[in-house]
């Protein structure tokens, strides 16, 4: 293995996926991130259908690599599509119920 990314891809990611699937099969939400180089992340996420927004939020944070603007946009998009009870999103103009966006 010549790079950290190759080590992650070949050794770590398969183990995380196996753990994630085992969690999912037993009704548990799983989300993991591994930074193999600064600003370079690998992620594994497995959830049951009824997973809460909390575990999905962890995954969103991983996907945006710490970019707060992208995180806020993702939260706004989720709020528009699914509704929310956030004062901050309300201030940003995101309707609290999905029906209000139509």
PDB file of N, CA and C in Angstrom:
ATOM      1  N   UNK A   1       0.844  -1.170   0.000  1.00  0.00           N
ATOM      2  CA  UNK A   1       0.000   0.000   0.000  1.00  0.00           C
ATOM      3  C   UNK A   1       0.889   1.232   0.000  1.00  0.00           C
ATOM      4  N   UNK A   2       0.684   2.047  -0.993  1.00  0.00           N
ATOM      5  CA  UNK A   2       1.596   3.164  -1.144  1.00  0.00           C
ATOM      6  C   UNK A   2       1.042   4.473  -0.597  1.00  0.00           C
ATOM      7  N   UNK A   3      -0.250   4.577  -0.465  1.00  0.00           N
ATOM      8  CA  UNK A   3      -0.797   5.828   0.051  1.00  0.00           C
ATOM      9  C   UNK A   3      -1.803   5.545   1.156  1.00  0.00           C
ATOM     10  N   UNK A   4      -2.067   6.574   1.918  1.00  0.00           N
ATOM     11  CA  UNK A   4      -3.080   6.460   2.966  1.00  0.00           C
ATOM     12  C   UNK A   4      -4.458   6.194   2.361  1.00  0.00           C
ATOM     13  N   UNK A   5      -4.724   6.813   1.209  1.00  0.00           N
ATOM     14  CA  UNK A   5      -6.015   6.589   0.562  1.00  0.00           C
ATOM     15  C   UNK A   5      -6.172   5.132   0.136  1.00  0.00           C
ATOM     16  N   UNK A   6      -5.149   4.551  -0.416  1.00  0.00           N
ATOM     17  CA  UNK A   6      -5.211   3.138  -0.796  1.00  0.00           C
ATOM     18  C   UNK A   6      -5.418   2.255   0.427  1.00  0.00           C
ATOM     19  N   UNK A   7      -4.744   2.575   1.516  1.00  0.00           N
ATOM     20  CA  UNK A   7      -4.928   1.821   2.760  1.00  0.00           C
ATOM     21  C   UNK A   7      -6.377   1.935   3.225  1.00  0.00           C
ATOM     22  N   UNK A   8      -6.905   3.160   3.186  1.00  0.00           N
ATOM     23  CA  UNK A   8      -8.305   3.348   3.562  1.00  0.00           C
ATOM     24  C   UNK A   8      -9.215   2.516   2.652  1.00  0.00           C
ATOM     25  N   UNK A   9      -9.033   2.661   1.337  1.00  0.00           N
ATOM     26  CA  UNK A   9      -9.897   1.966   0.373  1.00  0.00           C
ATOM     27  C   UNK A   9      -9.826   0.446   0.499  1.00  0.00           C
ATOM     28  N   UNK A  10      -8.636  -0.080   0.692  1.00  0.00           N
ATOM     29  CA  UNK A  10      -8.449  -1.526   0.666  1.00  0.00           C
ATOM     30  C   UNK A  10      -8.664  -2.199   2.020  1.00  0.00           C
ATOM     31  N   UNK A  11      -8.380  -1.501   3.108  1.00  0.00           N
ATOM     32  CA  UNK A  11      -8.425  -2.136   4.428  1.00  0.00           C
ATOM     33  C   UNK A  11      -9.568  -1.604   5.300  1.00  0.00           C
ATOM     34  N   UNK A  12      -9.640  -0.308   5.436  1.00  0.00           N
ATOM     35  CA  UNK A  12     -10.580   0.286   6.390  1.00  0.00           C
ATOM     36  C   UNK A  12     -12.015   0.323   5.857  1.00  0.00           C
ATOM     37  N   UNK A  13     -12.202   0.838   4.639  1.00  0.00           N
ATOM     38  CA  UNK A  13     -13.555   0.994   4.095  1.00  0.00           C
ATOM     39  C   UNK A  13     -14.356  -0.310   4.088  1.00  0.00           C
ATOM     40  N   UNK A  14     -13.781  -1.445   3.668  1.00  0.00           N
ATOM     41  CA  UNK A  14     -14.563  -2.690   3.701  1.00  0.00           C
ATOM     42  C   UNK A  14     -15.004  -3.082   5.117  1.00  0.00           C
ATOM     43  N   UNK A  15     -14.143  -2.839   6.095  1.00  0.00           N
ATOM     44  CA  UNK A  15     -14.512  -3.148   7.483  1.00  0.00           C
ATOM     45  C   UNK A  15     -15.635  -2.234   7.966  1.00  0.00           C
ATOM     46  N   UNK A  16     -15.538  -0.950   7.625  1.00  0.00           N
ATOM     47  CA  UNK A  16     -16.602  -0.022   8.017  1.00  0.00           C
ATOM     48  C   UNK A  16     -17.925  -0.385   7.356  1.00  0.00           C
ATOM     49  N   UNK A  17     -17.871  -0.773   6.092  1.00  0.00           N
ATOM     50  CA  UNK A  17     -19.095  -1.166   5.390  1.00  0.00           C
ATOM     51  C   UNK A  17     -19.715  -2.395   6.035  1.00  0.00           C
ATOM     52  N   UNK A  18     -18.907  -3.354   6.412  1.00  0.00           N
ATOM     53  CA  UNK A  18     -19.427  -4.557   7.080  1.00  0.00           C
ATOM     54  C   UNK A  18     -20.085  -4.190   8.410  1.00  0.00           C
ATOM     55  N   UNK A  19     -19.445  -3.328   9.167  1.00  0.00           N
ATOM     56  CA  UNK A  19     -20.028  -2.881  10.438  1.00  0.00           C
ATOM     57  C   UNK A  19     -21.313  -2.112  10.176  1.00  0.00           C
ATOM     58  N   UNK A  20     -21.287  -1.224   9.175  1.00  0.00           N
ATOM     59  CA  UNK A  20     -22.477  -0.437   8.850  1.00  0.00           C
ATOM     60  C   UNK A  20     -23.656  -1.303   8.452  1.00  0.00           C
ATOM     61  N   UNK A  21     -23.412  -2.296   7.615  1.00  0.00           N
ATOM     62  CA  UNK A  21     -24.500  -3.194   7.194  1.00  0.00           C
ATOM     63  C   UNK A  21     -25.030  -4.006   8.370  1.00  0.00           C
ATOM     64  N   UNK A  22     -24.148  -4.432   9.246  1.00  0.00           N
ATOM     65  CA  UNK A  22     -24.589  -5.170  10.436  1.00  0.00           C
ATOM     66  C   UNK A  22     -25.454  -4.277  11.329  1.00  0.00           C
ATOM     67  N   UNK A  23     -25.042  -3.025  11.475  1.00  0.00           N
ATOM     68  CA  UNK A  23     -25.854  -2.079  12.241  1.00  0.00           C
ATOM     69  C   UNK A  23     -27.218  -1.901  11.583  1.00  0.00           C
ATOM     70  N   UNK A  24     -27.220  -1.629  10.279  1.00  0.00           N
ATOM     71  CA  UNK A  24     -28.454  -1.397   9.540  1.00  0.00           C
ATOM     72  C   UNK A  24     -29.388  -2.605   9.643  1.00  0.00           C
ATOM     73  N   UNK A  25     -28.852  -3.797   9.513  1.00  0.00           N
ATOM     74  CA  UNK A  25     -29.655  -5.016   9.590  1.00  0.00           C
ATOM     75  C   UNK A  25     -30.304  -5.194  10.965  1.00  0.00           C
ATOM     76  N   UNK A  26     -29.747  -4.531  11.956  1.00  0.00           N
ATOM     77  CA  UNK A  26     -30.283  -4.631  13.311  1.00  0.00           C
ATOM     78  C   UNK A  26     -30.952  -3.343  13.768  1.00  0.00           C
ATOM     79  N   UNK A  27     -31.320  -2.492  12.790  1.00  0.00           N
ATOM     80  CA  UNK A  27     -32.089  -1.289  13.090  1.00  0.00           C
ATOM     81  C   UNK A  27     -31.288  -0.132  13.650  1.00  0.00           C
ATOM     82  N   UNK A  28     -29.971  -0.155  13.465  1.00  0.00           N
ATOM     83  CA  UNK A  28     -29.121   0.909  13.982  1.00  0.00           C
ATOM     84  C   UNK A  28     -28.621   1.790  12.843  1.00  0.00           C
ATOM     85  N   UNK A  29     -28.555   3.082  13.092  1.00  0.00           N
ATOM     86  CA  UNK A  29     -27.973   3.994  12.125  1.00  0.00           C
ATOM     87  C   UNK A  29     -26.475   4.076  12.349  1.00  0.00           C
ATOM     88  N   UNK A  30     -25.711   4.126  11.259  1.00  0.00           N
ATOM     89  CA  UNK A  30     -24.253   4.142  11.337  1.00  0.00           C
ATOM     90  C   UNK A  30     -23.710   5.136  10.325  1.00  0.00           C
ATOM     91  N   UNK A  31     -22.819   5.994  10.780  1.00  0.00           N
ATOM     92  CA  UNK A  31     -22.151   6.927   9.886  1.00  0.00           C
ATOM     93  C   UNK A  31     -20.735   7.132  10.397  1.00  0.00           C
ATOM     94  N   UNK A  32     -19.753   6.967   9.509  1.00  0.00           N
ATOM     95  CA  UNK A  32     -18.357   7.101   9.911  1.00  0.00           C
ATOM     96  C   UNK A  32     -17.585   7.888   8.865  1.00  0.00           C
ATOM     97  N   UNK A  33     -16.600   8.634   9.334  1.00  0.00           N
ATOM     98  CA  UNK A  33     -15.722   9.383   8.444  1.00  0.00           C
ATOM     99  C   UNK A  33     -14.280   9.079   8.806  1.00  0.00           C
ATOM    100  N   UNK A  34     -13.456   8.986   7.781  1.00  0.00           N
ATOM    101  CA  UNK A  34     -12.028   8.797   7.977  1.00  0.00           C
ATOM    102  C   UNK A  34     -11.316   9.838   7.113  1.00  0.00           C
ATOM    103  N   UNK A  35     -10.485  10.650   7.755  1.00  0.00           N
ATOM    104  CA  UNK A  35      -9.697  11.625   7.010  1.00  0.00           C
ATOM    105  C   UNK A  35      -8.323  11.020   6.762  1.00  0.00           C
ATOM    106  N   UNK A  36      -8.080  10.627   5.518  1.00  0.00           N
ATOM    107  CA  UNK A  36      -6.811   9.982   5.195  1.00  0.00           C
ATOM    108  C   UNK A  36      -5.750  10.984   4.764  1.00  0.00           C
ATOM    109  N   UNK A  37      -6.153  12.170   4.400  1.00  0.00           N
ATOM    110  CA  UNK A  37      -5.265  13.312   4.134  1.00  0.00           C
ATOM    111  C   UNK A  37      -6.066  14.556   4.532  1.00  0.00           C
ATOM    112  N   UNK A  38      -5.396  15.654   4.865  1.00  0.00           N
ATOM    113  CA  UNK A  38      -6.160  16.869   5.177  1.00  0.00           C
ATOM    114  C   UNK A  38      -7.149  17.203   4.054  1.00  0.00           C
ATOM    115  N   UNK A  39      -8.392  17.383   4.419  1.00  0.00           N
ATOM    116  CA  UNK A  39      -9.481  17.732   3.500  1.00  0.00           C
ATOM    117  C   UNK A  39      -9.882  16.604   2.554  1.00  0.00           C
ATOM    118  N   UNK A  40      -9.436  15.394   2.818  1.00  0.00           N
ATOM    119  CA  UNK A  40      -9.815  14.237   1.999  1.00  0.00           C
ATOM    120  C   UNK A  40     -10.440  13.192   2.920  1.00  0.00           C
ATOM    121  N   UNK A  41     -11.708  12.959   2.711  1.00  0.00           N
ATOM    122  CA  UNK A  41     -12.462  12.069   3.584  1.00  0.00           C
ATOM    123  C   UNK A  41     -13.038  10.887   2.830  1.00  0.00           C
ATOM    124  N   UNK A  42     -13.075   9.778   3.524  1.00  0.00           N
ATOM    125  CA  UNK A  42     -13.869   8.641   3.085  1.00  0.00           C
ATOM    126  C   UNK A  42     -15.030   8.533   4.057  1.00  0.00           C
ATOM    127  N   UNK A  43     -16.190   8.103   3.575  1.00  0.00           N
ATOM    128  CA  UNK A  43     -17.336   8.002   4.477  1.00  0.00           C
ATOM    129  C   UNK A  43     -18.107   6.724   4.216  1.00  0.00           C
ATOM    130  N   UNK A  44     -18.704   6.221   5.266  1.00  0.00           N
ATOM    131  CA  UNK A  44     -19.569   5.053   5.182  1.00  0.00           C
ATOM    132  C   UNK A  44     -20.801   5.362   6.013  1.00  0.00           C
ATOM    133  N   UNK A  45     -21.968   5.228   5.407  1.00  0.00           N
ATOM    134  CA  UNK A  45     -23.217   5.476   6.120  1.00  0.00           C
ATOM    135  C   UNK A  45     -24.227   4.402   5.753  1.00  0.00           C
ATOM    136  N   UNK A  46     -24.833   3.824   6.752  1.00  0.00           N
ATOM    137  CA  UNK A  46     -25.874   2.812   6.575  1.00  0.00           C
ATOM    138  C   UNK A  46     -26.940   3.066   7.626  1.00  0.00           C
ATOM    139  N   UNK A  47     -28.188   3.204   7.195  1.00  0.00           N
ATOM    140  CA  UNK A  47     -29.262   3.498   8.135  1.00  0.00           C
ATOM    141  C   UNK A  47     -30.482   2.639   7.856  1.00  0.00           C
ATOM    142  N   UNK A  48     -31.275   2.402   8.889  1.00  0.00           N
ATOM    143  CA  UNK A  48     -32.581   1.794   8.646  1.00  0.00           C
ATOM    144  C   UNK A  48     -33.509   2.853   8.035  1.00  0.00           C
ATOM    145  N   UNK A  49     -34.609   2.422   7.473  1.00  0.00           N
ATOM    146  CA  UNK A  49     -35.539   3.358   6.824  1.00  0.00           C
ATOM    147  C   UNK A  49     -36.043   4.440   7.768  1.00  0.00           C
ATOM    148  N   UNK A  50     -36.179   4.125   9.055  1.00  0.00           N
ATOM    149  CA  UNK A  50     -36.728   5.089  10.002  1.00  0.00           C
ATOM    150  C   UNK A  50     -35.648   5.886  10.748  1.00  0.00           C
ATOM    151  N   UNK A  51     -34.463   5.984  10.164  1.00  0.00           N
ATOM    152  CA  UNK A  51     -33.364   6.707  10.821  1.00  0.00           C
ATOM    153  C   UNK A  51     -33.746   8.167  11.057  1.00  0.00           C
ATOM    154  N   UNK A  52     -33.308   8.692  12.168  1.00  0.00           N
ATOM    155  CA  UNK A  52     -33.617  10.081  12.517  1.00  0.00           C
ATOM    156  C   UNK A  52     -32.755  11.048  11.717  1.00  0.00           C
ATOM    157  N   UNK A  53     -33.154  12.305  11.785  1.00  0.00           N
ATOM    158  CA  UNK A  53     -32.374  13.334  11.111  1.00  0.00           C
ATOM    159  C   UNK A  53     -31.011  13.508  11.785  1.00  0.00           C
ATOM    160  N   UNK A  54     -30.887  13.166  13.044  1.00  0.00           N
ATOM    161  CA  UNK A  54     -29.616  13.339  13.755  1.00  0.00           C
ATOM    162  C   UNK A  54     -28.488  12.569  13.063  1.00  0.00           C
ATOM    163  N   UNK A  55     -28.725  11.316  12.724  1.00  0.00           N
ATOM    164  CA  UNK A  55     -27.669  10.526  12.073  1.00  0.00           C
ATOM    165  C   UNK A  55     -27.455  11.001  10.638  1.00  0.00           C
ATOM    166  N   UNK A  56     -28.511  11.446  10.002  1.00  0.00           N
ATOM    167  CA  UNK A  56     -28.379  11.979   8.646  1.00  0.00           C
ATOM    168  C   UNK A  56     -27.595  13.297   8.661  1.00  0.00           C
ATOM    169  N   UNK A  57     -27.762  14.074   9.717  1.00  0.00           N
ATOM    170  CA  UNK A  57     -27.018  15.324   9.861  1.00  0.00           C
ATOM    171  C   UNK A  57     -25.524  15.055   9.979  1.00  0.00           C
ATOM    172  N   UNK A  58     -25.178  14.009  10.701  1.00  0.00           N
ATOM    173  CA  UNK A  58     -23.769  13.616  10.783  1.00  0.00           C
ATOM    174  C   UNK A  58     -23.233  13.348   9.381  1.00  0.00           C
ATOM    175  N   UNK A  59     -23.998  12.621   8.575  1.00  0.00           N
ATOM    176  CA  UNK A  59     -23.568  12.302   7.217  1.00  0.00           C
ATOM    177  C   UNK A  59     -23.464  13.550   6.347  1.00  0.00           C
ATOM    178  N   UNK A  60     -24.404  14.466   6.493  1.00  0.00           N
ATOM    179  CA  UNK A  60     -24.345  15.715   5.725  1.00  0.00           C
ATOM    180  C   UNK A  60     -23.071  16.482   6.077  1.00  0.00           C
ATOM    181  N   UNK A  61     -22.760  16.549   7.358  1.00  0.00           N
ATOM    182  CA  UNK A  61     -21.545  17.251   7.791  1.00  0.00           C
ATOM    183  C   UNK A  61     -20.300  16.607   7.177  1.00  0.00           C
ATOM    184  N   UNK A  62     -20.299  15.292   7.090  1.00  0.00           N
ATOM    185  CA  UNK A  62     -19.170  14.600   6.468  1.00  0.00           C
ATOM    186  C   UNK A  62     -19.099  14.956   4.980  1.00  0.00           C
ATOM    187  N   UNK A  63     -20.234  14.949   4.312  1.00  0.00           N
ATOM    188  CA  UNK A  63     -20.260  15.185   2.865  1.00  0.00           C
ATOM    189  C   UNK A  63     -19.762  16.571   2.483  1.00  0.00           C
ATOM    190  N   UNK A  64     -20.000  17.574   3.326  1.00  0.00           N
ATOM    191  CA  UNK A  64     -19.614  18.946   2.975  1.00  0.00           C
ATOM    192  C   UNK A  64     -18.195  19.289   3.421  1.00  0.00           C
ATOM    193  N   UNK A  65     -17.483  18.318   4.006  1.00  0.00           N
ATOM    194  CA  UNK A  65     -16.070  18.494   4.364  1.00  0.00           C
ATOM    195  C   UNK A  65     -15.817  19.744   5.196  1.00  0.00           C
ATOM    196  N   UNK A  66     -16.731  20.053   6.103  1.00  0.00           N
ATOM    197  CA  UNK A  66     -16.515  21.194   6.987  1.00  0.00           C
ATOM    198  C   UNK A  66     -16.883  22.542   6.393  1.00  0.00           C
ATOM    199  N   UNK A  67     -17.453  22.562   5.196  1.00  0.00           N
ATOM    200  CA  UNK A  67     -17.853  23.823   4.576  1.00  0.00           C
ATOM    201  C   UNK A  67     -19.195  24.254   5.169  1.00  0.00           C
ATOM    202  N   UNK A  68     -19.146  25.281   6.001  1.00  0.00           N
ATOM    203  CA  UNK A  68     -20.342  25.719   6.718  1.00  0.00           C
ATOM    204  C   UNK A  68     -21.425  26.211   5.770  1.00  0.00           C
ATOM    205  N   UNK A  69     -21.041  26.917   4.704  1.00  0.00           N
ATOM    206  CA  UNK A  69     -22.043  27.394   3.748  1.00  0.00           C
ATOM    207  C   UNK A  69     -22.801  26.225   3.121  1.00  0.00           C
ATOM    208  N   UNK A  70     -22.058  25.204   2.701  1.00  0.00           N
ATOM    209  CA  UNK A  70     -22.716  24.035   2.115  1.00  0.00           C
ATOM    210  C   UNK A  70     -23.588  23.325   3.144  1.00  0.00           C
ATOM    211  N   UNK A  71     -23.158  23.299   4.391  1.00  0.00           N
ATOM    212  CA  UNK A  71     -23.958  22.686   5.452  1.00  0.00           C
ATOM    213  C   UNK A  71     -25.273  23.440   5.635  1.00  0.00           C
ATOM    214  N   UNK A  72     -25.203  24.768   5.670  1.00  0.00           N
ATOM    215  CA  UNK A  72     -26.416  25.575   5.830  1.00  0.00           C
ATOM    216  C   UNK A  72     -27.353  25.360   4.648  1.00  0.00           C
ATOM    217  N   UNK A  73     -26.815  25.337   3.423  1.00  0.00           N
ATOM    218  CA  UNK A  73     -27.656  25.099   2.239  1.00  0.00           C
ATOM    219  C   UNK A  73     -28.322  23.728   2.319  1.00  0.00           C
ATOM    220  N   UNK A  74     -27.570  22.724   2.755  1.00  0.00           N
ATOM    221  CA  UNK A  74     -28.134  21.379   2.884  1.00  0.00           C
ATOM    222  C   UNK A  74     -29.236  21.354   3.938  1.00  0.00           C
ATOM    223  N   UNK A  75     -29.038  22.067   5.043  1.00  0.00           N
ATOM    224  CA  UNK A  75     -30.065  22.125   6.086  1.00  0.00           C
ATOM    225  C   UNK A  75     -31.306  22.853   5.586  1.00  0.00           C
ATOM    226  N   UNK A  76     -31.102  23.913   4.834  1.00  0.00           N
ATOM    227  CA  UNK A  76     -32.244  24.638   4.267  1.00  0.00           C
ATOM    228  C   UNK A  76     -33.019  23.746   3.301  1.00  0.00           C
ATOM    229  N   UNK A  77     -32.294  23.022   2.453  1.00  0.00           N
ATOM    230  CA  UNK A  77     -32.939  22.120   1.484  1.00  0.00           C
ATOM    231  C   UNK A  77     -33.731  21.033   2.211  1.00  0.00           C
ATOM    232  N   UNK A  78     -33.122  20.455   3.244  1.00  0.00           N
ATOM    233  CA  UNK A  78     -33.811  19.419   4.013  1.00  0.00           C
ATOM    234  C   UNK A  78     -35.053  19.994   4.688  1.00  0.00           C
ATOM    235  N   UNK A  79     -34.937  21.171   5.245  1.00  0.00           N
ATOM    236  CA  UNK A  79     -36.080  21.811   5.891  1.00  0.00           C
ATOM    237  C   UNK A  79     -37.221  22.079   4.926  1.00  0.00           C
ATOM    238  N   UNK A  80     -36.896  22.527   3.717  1.00  0.00           N
ATOM    239  CA  UNK A  80     -37.933  22.772   2.704  1.00  0.00           C
ATOM    240  C   UNK A  80     -38.643  21.478   2.307  1.00  0.00           C
ATOM    241  N   UNK A  81     -37.864  20.409   2.183  1.00  0.00           N
ATOM    242  CA  UNK A  81     -38.424  19.139   1.719  1.00  0.00           C
ATOM    243  C   UNK A  81     -39.157  18.371   2.812  1.00  0.00           C
ATOM    244  N   UNK A  82     -38.727  18.510   4.057  1.00  0.00           N
ATOM    245  CA  UNK A  82     -39.250  17.668   5.137  1.00  0.00           C
ATOM    246  C   UNK A  82     -39.897  18.422   6.280  1.00  0.00           C
ATOM    247  N   UNK A  83     -39.821  19.740   6.251  1.00  0.00           N
ATOM    248  CA  UNK A  83     -40.305  20.534   7.376  1.00  0.00           C
ATOM    249  C   UNK A  83     -39.238  20.631   8.454  1.00  0.00           C
ATOM    250  N   UNK A  84     -39.454  21.532   9.392  1.00  0.00           N
ATOM    251  CA  UNK A  84     -38.476  21.732  10.464  1.00  0.00           C
ATOM    252  C   UNK A  84     -39.127  22.518  11.607  1.00  0.00           C
ATOM    253  N   UNK A  85     -38.410  22.644  12.702  1.00  0.00           N
ATOM    254  CA  UNK A  85     -38.852  23.467  13.820  1.00  0.00           C
ATOM    255  C   UNK A  85     -37.721  24.387  14.271  1.00  0.00           C
ATOM    256  N   UNK A  86     -36.895  24.802  13.327  1.00  0.00           N
ATOM    257  CA  UNK A  86     -35.712  25.609  13.611  1.00  0.00           C
ATOM    258  C   UNK A  86     -35.996  27.101  13.523  1.00  0.00           C
ATOM    259  N   UNK A  87     -35.653  27.812  14.570  1.00  0.00           N
ATOM    260  CA  UNK A  87     -35.775  29.266  14.551  1.00  0.00           C
ATOM    261  C   UNK A  87     -34.829  29.845  13.503  1.00  0.00           C
ATOM    262  N   UNK A  88     -33.619  29.324  13.425  1.00  0.00           N
ATOM    263  CA  UNK A  88     -32.637  29.831  12.463  1.00  0.00           C
ATOM    264  C   UNK A  88     -33.112  29.643  11.025  1.00  0.00           C
ATOM    265  N   UNK A  89     -33.653  28.465  10.708  1.00  0.00           N
ATOM    266  CA  UNK A  89     -34.154  28.246   9.352  1.00  0.00           C
ATOM    267  C   UNK A  89     -35.348  29.147   9.058  1.00  0.00           C
ATOM    268  N   UNK A  90     -36.177  29.387  10.060  1.00  0.00           N
ATOM    269  CA  UNK A  90     -37.312  30.301   9.876  1.00  0.00           C
ATOM    270  C   UNK A  90     -36.798  31.702   9.545  1.00  0.00           C
ATOM    271  N   UNK A  91     -35.775  32.168  10.257  1.00  0.00           N
ATOM    272  CA  UNK A  91     -35.187  33.479   9.991  1.00  0.00           C
ATOM    273  C   UNK A  91     -34.633  33.537   8.566  1.00  0.00           C
ATOM    274  N   UNK A  92     -34.086  32.431   8.100  1.00  0.00           N
ATOM    275  CA  UNK A  92     -33.558  32.358   6.735  1.00  0.00           C
ATOM    276  C   UNK A  92     -34.655  32.214   5.681  1.00  0.00           C
ATOM    277  N   UNK A  93     -35.914  32.158   6.121  1.00  0.00           N
ATOM    278  CA  UNK A  93     -37.040  32.117   5.194  1.00  0.00           C
ATOM    279  C   UNK A  93     -37.489  30.738   4.777  1.00  0.00           C
ATOM    280  N   UNK A  94     -37.049  29.712   5.470  1.00  0.00           N
ATOM    281  CA  UNK A  94     -37.456  28.351   5.130  1.00  0.00           C
ATOM    282  C   UNK A  94     -38.771  28.048   5.836  1.00  0.00           C
ATOM    283  N   UNK A  95     -39.842  27.754   5.079  1.00  0.00           N
ATOM    284  CA  UNK A  95     -41.127  27.432   5.694  1.00  0.00           C
ATOM    285  C   UNK A  95     -41.015  26.211   6.602  1.00  0.00           C
ATOM    286  N   UNK A  96     -41.794  26.217   7.669  1.00  0.00           N
ATOM    287  CA  UNK A  96     -41.700  25.122   8.644  1.00  0.00           C
ATOM    288  C   UNK A  96     -42.341  23.827   8.181  1.00  0.00           C
ATOM    289  N   UNK A  97     -43.300  23.890   7.291  1.00  0.00           N
ATOM    290  CA  UNK A  97     -43.920  22.663   6.793  1.00  0.00           C
ATOM    291  C   UNK A  97     -43.702  22.571   5.285  1.00  0.00           C
ATOM    292  N   UNK A  98     -43.528  21.353   4.787  1.00  0.00           N
ATOM    293  CA  UNK A  98     -43.280  21.178   3.354  1.00  0.00           C
ATOM    294  C   UNK A  98     -44.389  21.748   2.489  1.00  0.00           C
ATOM    295  N   UNK A  99     -45.636  21.709   2.949  1.00  0.00           N
ATOM    296  CA  UNK A  99     -46.759  22.205   2.162  1.00  0.00           C
ATOM    297  C   UNK A  99     -46.629  23.698   1.859  1.00  0.00           C
ATOM    298  N   UNK A 100     -45.986  24.444   2.746  1.00  0.00           N
ATOM    299  CA  UNK A 100     -45.853  25.879   2.555  1.00  0.00           C
ATOM    300  C   UNK A 100     -44.920  26.233   1.396  1.00  0.00           C
ATOM    301  N   UNK A 101     -44.127  25.273   0.943  1.00  0.00           N
ATOM    302  CA  UNK A 101     -43.185  25.560  -0.148  1.00  0.00           C
ATOM    303  C   UNK A 101     -43.837  25.394  -1.510  1.00  0.00           C
ATOM    304  N   UNK A 102     -45.006  24.788  -1.574  1.00  0.00           N
ATOM    305  CA  UNK A 102     -45.655  24.533  -2.862  1.00  0.00           C
ATOM    306  C   UNK A 102     -46.468  25.729  -3.316  1.00  0.00           C
TER     307      UNK A 102
END
